[in-house]
Structure formats: C-alpha cells, structure tokens
Amino acid sequence: MDILVLDGDGIGPEITEATLCVMQAAAERFALPLRLIRAEIGFAALAKQGSTIPPDVIAEARAADGVILGPVSHNAYPPVAEGGLNPSGVLRRELELYANIRPARSRPGTPRPVAAETDLVIVRENLEGFYADRNMASGSGEILVEPDVAIALRKITAHGSARIAEAAFALAASRPRARVTTIHKANVLRISDGLFLAEVRKVAARFPQVAHEELLVDAAAAHLVRNPARFDVMLATNMFGDILSDLASELSGGLGLAASLNLGTGTAVAQAQHGSAPDLAGQDRANPASLIGSAAMLLRHLGAAGAADAIEAALDTALAHPDTRTPDLGGALGTAAFGRRLAAMIKET
C-alpha cells in the first residue's frame, strides 16, 4: 500500500505529521503493508524546482495507491506562468478525480452551533462547473470582455453528470437511509442544470432502492440550517457542493473536523476541507482532525476498513472530552500531541 505524502503549505506540514503518526499506529495495529513516500509541493517545491507541483510529483501520485494532500496556499502563489499552479486542481485534473466525497457527521460531545444531529455526505462533482482552472482544455473559463465586464463560463456535460450521479446513488445504496437529494438551480439555469438533472434521473431509475428528491440550492441551504438530519446523501455540481459542504461541516462541528476524499478510477487523494491557515503555521495549534479523518476515508477506500474504524473511534473518543481536544475546540492539546494521543488510543485497543 504505497501512499504519497504531500505536506503542502502553512499548517500543512504539522497536520500531515500528526496524520502520519495516526496512520502508522493503525498500520502497526492491523499489520498493514503501509509504505509512505514523501515529495514536496507548494512553496517548498517552487523554491527548489520552479513549480508548486513538479511533473515528477504528478507521476508519483499517478503510480501510488493513494495520496495524502496537505492544504496549500495557492491564492498566494505567483502566476501560473511563473510556476504557481494549484496542486489540488492539478491533481484532480491529471488523475481525473471526478468525485469529491465530503461527509459531515456530528461527533458525540463535540461543540457545534446547532443541537440537531448531522450525519450526511455531500457528493460533489469535481471537474466541471464554474471552476475556471479545470473546465477548459486550453485557456481560462473566465473572460474579461472590457475593464468593467467579466464573464464566467460554466461547463456541465452529460458524461460528467452521469458519473457523479452513479457515485452518489451507489454510496446511498450502502447507507441505512438510502436517500439522495439532488441539488440544483434549474429554475434559472435551465439548460446546464436541466442537463444535469436529466442525467441524474436516468441514474436514479437504475437505483429503485434509493429514495430520490430534487431541491433548489437556496432551499437546501435553508433546510440544512433548520434540520440537517433531514439529509443523507446530497448530490451537487461543483460550486454548489463546495459551498454546501462547508455549511454542513460548520453545523456538525467546524471545518477543523471536515474530512474529504477525491475519487476517480485510479489513485484516491485524501484532503482536508480547510485551507493552509498560514497565521497558525509553526505554532502547534492547528487541529489535524480533518486530515486524519480524510486519511481514514482513504484507508477504507483501499480496503483497510478495520484501520479506518479504529481511527474514527479514536477521533470520537478524543473529541468528546475537552482535555483531549485542540485549542479551536476549547482543548489544550497541540497538533502533535493530538496525533500522538490518537495513535496511543489505536494501539491500546
């Protein structure tokens, strides 16, 4: 089981080290043949190789069974022509990671802004939509017609819509409630979201065991706040899924706990939902739970369900008590200590 480890920028190296500590404990406990391969991306790679994600790193990612991707500070990178590529976007395109799986689950005892329990998964299309860095073969999906007029192009394809729908319905079929809510804005975006919905309905017809509803994106946001427990699997195009997953994660405890996994037909990439938080870098205060949870998703995807379950159980136990939380959740443990505590819990079980 070869895992490529990319630290990223800001708090990336710290939360990645804590995550590897936990993964190695799980590998030891369950006798997993885990081999960690390190490579540099972000500012470290830019300084040494002139690119924030050099071609050899992409090749290593393609050859690995999985990737642990730390957060990156891509907004602060220089222009693409000067090597400032977004590693996350590049890997999604190069590895054709069309599905972004983002669970939002309230953990026992963990502070959250609403009393309602949350246990849902957002299945987000990852390669189309309004995202200018991944919706064109050449050039950008944004156009500045004149200094005060900008146009953004939104790409929706039948193929892309069908395969993300397949991922959502297959996931829902494996969950107890077996329900998919498709998020759209077809009352305004009649052609693009109309195409998306048409493909989703074809897939839904092949999953009669899965309940299906369609909901406007603005109504979905309102219902998430009012009653997140109503949702099981939420299926969305790229931008809608990106926004709603952050909302769902905050309702269930915060982005510091928000795991995600990027899937295609080959290598899978585990990635925290949050950013690189450069203001916290080097202070041993960042919460690594999001990346640790993402690593658990990756291990489960690779067939190591026992190790994934052990990591999830350790997260539940640690996050339930203030004395074993990080400062963002009212605790006192630093980033490294939190990782060591989870590793000890896994070894003790």
Foldseek 3Di string as FASTA:
>chain_A
DEEEEEQADACSVLLSVLLVLLVVLLCVLVVNPYDYHYDYAAPVCCVVPQARQDPVNLVVLQPGQAYQHGFYPLVPADDVVRRSDDVVLVNCQSVVLQWKKWWAFAFAQFDADDPATATAIEIEGDQWFQAQSRHDPDDTQKDDPDPVDIDGDTDADLVSLQVSLLVQQVVLVPDPQQEEEEEDACVPVVPRVVSSVVNNVVNVVVRVVHHYHYDYLVVVLVCCVVHNVVHYYYYYYHPSSLVVSQVSNRRNHHQLQMWMWGHDPGYIYTYRSDHSPNVCGPVLQRRSNHSSLSVLVSCVVVPNPVSSVLLVVLCSVQSNDQQLGGVVRNHPGGSNRNSVSSSVSSNVD
